[in-house]
Amino acid sequence: MENQAQGLPLEVGADGYVKTIILLWNLPVDTFSVKVTSPDTIASFATKRQVLSGIAKIFDPLGWLTPVIIRPKMLMQDLWKAKLDWDSNLLPELFSKLEEILY
């Protein structure tokens, strides 16, 4: 399949997907999807700094993931309201909110 604007061929993977930025475009059915990897352990998000780092890794230039990433952003807002230091462990109630989001 040719990219008409640039005259470059699209690289279609064996699974029928074309990677566009972070989105995967399934050409035959004309749908987009995103691959998400969950953290190995929830302990990797034990501090405010680690939670913000995890949220910042989500690249969503079109805003399509907003319904999914709004909850982690709301958790980050709660972390700011709790006035936690960057490297302090999360309070138990905030940690349980994080568990609900991730699992």
C-alpha atoms as a PDB file:
ATOM      1  CA  MET A   1       0.000   0.000   0.000  1.00  0.00           C
ATOM      2  CA  GLU A   2       1.390   3.417  -0.917  1.00  0.00           C
ATOM      3  CA  ASN A   3       1.438   6.539   1.220  1.00  0.00           C
ATOM      4  CA  GLN A   4       0.044   8.988  -1.343  1.00  0.00           C
ATOM      5  CA  ALA A   5       1.373  12.146   0.328  1.00  0.00           C
ATOM      6  CA  GLN A   6       4.988  11.004   0.391  1.00  0.00           C
ATOM      7  CA  GLY A   7       5.052   8.190  -2.138  1.00  0.00           C
ATOM      8  CA  LEU A   8       6.516   5.881   0.522  1.00  0.00           C
ATOM      9  CA  PRO A   9       5.286   2.322   1.045  1.00  0.00           C
ATOM     10  CA  LEU A  10       3.558   1.591   4.355  1.00  0.00           C
ATOM     11  CA  GLU A  11       5.219  -1.169   6.326  1.00  0.00           C
ATOM     12  CA  VAL A  12       2.502  -3.645   7.156  1.00  0.00           C
ATOM     13  CA  GLY A  13       3.513  -6.172   9.800  1.00  0.00           C
ATOM     14  CA  ALA A  14       2.765  -9.886   9.590  1.00  0.00           C
ATOM     15  CA  ASP A  15      -0.234  -9.290  11.859  1.00  0.00           C
ATOM     16  CA  GLY A  16      -1.737  -6.790   9.377  1.00  0.00           C
ATOM     17  CA  TYR A  17      -0.998  -3.723  11.498  1.00  0.00           C
ATOM     18  CA  VAL A  18       0.790  -0.511  10.568  1.00  0.00           C
ATOM     19  CA  LYS A  19       2.494   1.323  13.431  1.00  0.00           C
ATOM     20  CA  THR A  20       1.617   5.026  13.378  1.00  0.00           C
ATOM     21  CA  ILE A  21       3.361   6.923  16.181  1.00  0.00           C
ATOM     22  CA  ILE A  22       2.191   4.833  19.142  1.00  0.00           C
ATOM     23  CA  LEU A  23      -1.073   3.706  17.575  1.00  0.00           C
ATOM     24  CA  LEU A  24      -1.464   0.473  15.647  1.00  0.00           C
ATOM     25  CA  TRP A  25      -3.621   0.752  12.558  1.00  0.00           C
ATOM     26  CA  ASN A  26      -5.304  -2.451  11.413  1.00  0.00           C
ATOM     27  CA  LEU A  27      -5.687  -1.844   7.685  1.00  0.00           C
ATOM     28  CA  PRO A  28      -8.182  -4.602   6.776  1.00  0.00           C
ATOM     29  CA  VAL A  29     -10.794  -3.465   9.321  1.00  0.00           C
ATOM     30  CA  ASP A  30      -9.640   0.175   9.555  1.00  0.00           C
ATOM     31  CA  THR A  31      -9.335   0.323  13.350  1.00  0.00           C
ATOM     32  CA  PHE A  32      -6.728   1.693  15.725  1.00  0.00           C
ATOM     33  CA  SER A  33      -5.399   0.034  18.853  1.00  0.00           C
ATOM     34  CA  VAL A  34      -2.689   0.630  21.432  1.00  0.00           C
ATOM     35  CA  LYS A  35      -0.304  -1.874  22.983  1.00  0.00           C
ATOM     36  CA  VAL A  36      -0.068  -1.445  26.734  1.00  0.00           C
ATOM     37  CA  THR A  37       2.393  -3.145  29.020  1.00  0.00           C
ATOM     38  CA  SER A  38       1.483  -3.331  32.657  1.00  0.00           C
ATOM     39  CA  PRO A  39       4.172  -2.911  35.302  1.00  0.00           C
ATOM     40  CA  ASP A  40       5.904  -5.999  36.648  1.00  0.00           C
ATOM     41  CA  THR A  41       4.962  -5.079  40.198  1.00  0.00           C
ATOM     42  CA  ILE A  42       2.886  -2.376  41.780  1.00  0.00           C
ATOM     43  CA  ALA A  43       5.897  -1.615  43.998  1.00  0.00           C
ATOM     44  CA  SER A  44       7.439   0.161  41.017  1.00  0.00           C
ATOM     45  CA  PHE A  45       4.906   2.960  41.694  1.00  0.00           C
ATOM     46  CA  ALA A  46       5.528   3.429  45.410  1.00  0.00           C
ATOM     47  CA  THR A  47       6.292   7.181  45.322  1.00  0.00           C
ATOM     48  CA  LYS A  48       4.814  10.324  43.793  1.00  0.00           C
ATOM     49  CA  ARG A  49       7.823  10.573  41.460  1.00  0.00           C
ATOM     50  CA  GLN A  50       7.257   7.023  40.153  1.00  0.00           C
ATOM     51  CA  VAL A  51       3.522   7.582  39.621  1.00  0.00           C
ATOM     52  CA  LEU A  52       4.183  10.768  37.638  1.00  0.00           C
ATOM     53  CA  SER A  53       6.877   8.981  35.629  1.00  0.00           C
ATOM     54  CA  GLY A  54       4.437   6.207  34.717  1.00  0.00           C
ATOM     55  CA  ILE A  55       1.763   8.698  33.648  1.00  0.00           C
ATOM     56  CA  ALA A  56       4.245  10.742  31.620  1.00  0.00           C
ATOM     57  CA  LYS A  57       5.241   7.659  29.594  1.00  0.00           C
ATOM     58  CA  ILE A  58       1.775   7.508  28.037  1.00  0.00           C
ATOM     59  CA  PHE A  59       1.995   9.272  24.677  1.00  0.00           C
ATOM     60  CA  ASP A  60      -1.460  10.330  23.496  1.00  0.00           C
ATOM     61  CA  PRO A  61      -1.161  13.120  20.911  1.00  0.00           C
ATOM     62  CA  LEU A  62      -4.749  12.752  19.686  1.00  0.00           C
ATOM     63  CA  GLY A  63      -6.385  12.433  23.117  1.00  0.00           C
ATOM     64  CA  TRP A  64      -7.937   9.059  22.282  1.00  0.00           C
ATOM     65  CA  LEU A  65      -6.667   7.518  25.524  1.00  0.00           C
ATOM     66  CA  THR A  66      -8.119  10.242  27.740  1.00  0.00           C
ATOM     67  CA  PRO A  67     -10.965   8.050  29.074  1.00  0.00           C
ATOM     68  CA  VAL A  68      -8.345   5.562  30.250  1.00  0.00           C
ATOM     69  CA  ILE A  69      -5.666   7.888  31.614  1.00  0.00           C
ATOM     70  CA  ILE A  70      -7.963  10.325  33.415  1.00  0.00           C
ATOM     71  CA  ARG A  71      -8.032   8.124  36.543  1.00  0.00           C
ATOM     72  CA  PRO A  72      -4.222   8.033  36.939  1.00  0.00           C
ATOM     73  CA  LYS A  73      -4.158  11.807  36.435  1.00  0.00           C
ATOM     74  CA  MET A  74      -6.819  12.230  39.114  1.00  0.00           C
ATOM     75  CA  LEU A  75      -4.700  10.070  41.426  1.00  0.00           C
ATOM     76  CA  MET A  76      -1.758  12.372  40.730  1.00  0.00           C
ATOM     77  CA  GLN A  77      -3.932  15.306  41.724  1.00  0.00           C
ATOM     78  CA  ASP A  78      -4.717  13.518  45.007  1.00  0.00           C
ATOM     79  CA  LEU A  79      -0.978  13.025  45.575  1.00  0.00           C
ATOM     80  CA  TRP A  80      -0.435  16.770  45.190  1.00  0.00           C
ATOM     81  CA  LYS A  81      -3.310  17.515  47.593  1.00  0.00           C
ATOM     82  CA  ALA A  82      -1.768  15.144  50.152  1.00  0.00           C
ATOM     83  CA  LYS A  83       1.433  17.252  49.950  1.00  0.00           C
ATOM     84  CA  LEU A  84       3.637  14.204  49.721  1.00  0.00           C
ATOM     85  CA  ASP A  85       7.323  14.643  49.035  1.00  0.00           C
ATOM     86  CA  TRP A  86       8.546  13.275  45.720  1.00  0.00           C
ATOM     87  CA  ASP A  87      10.226  10.226  47.231  1.00  0.00           C
ATOM     88  CA  SER A  88       7.886   9.517  50.154  1.00  0.00           C
ATOM     89  CA  ASN A  89       5.898   6.304  50.063  1.00  0.00           C
ATOM     90  CA  LEU A  90       2.251   6.665  49.120  1.00  0.00           C
ATOM     91  CA  LEU A  91      -0.311   6.797  51.912  1.00  0.00           C
ATOM     92  CA  PRO A  92      -2.231   3.497  52.253  1.00  0.00           C
ATOM     93  CA  GLU A  93      -5.516   4.933  50.896  1.00  0.00           C
ATOM     94  CA  LEU A  94      -3.714   6.414  47.876  1.00  0.00           C
ATOM     95  CA  PHE A  95      -1.862   3.164  47.293  1.00  0.00           C
ATOM     96  CA  SER A  96      -5.182   1.274  47.283  1.00  0.00           C
ATOM     97  CA  LYS A  97      -6.510   3.738  44.659  1.00  0.00           C
ATOM     98  CA  LEU A  98      -3.424   2.993  42.583  1.00  0.00           C
ATOM     99  CA  GLU A  99      -4.097  -0.755  42.895  1.00  0.00           C
ATOM    100  CA  GLU A 100      -7.673  -0.231  41.663  1.00  0.00           C
ATOM    101  CA  ILE A 101      -6.400   1.670  38.627  1.00  0.00           C
ATOM    102  CA  LEU A 102      -3.702  -0.822  37.677  1.00  0.00           C
ATOM    103  CA  TYR A 103      -5.619  -4.013  38.344  1.00  0.00           C
END
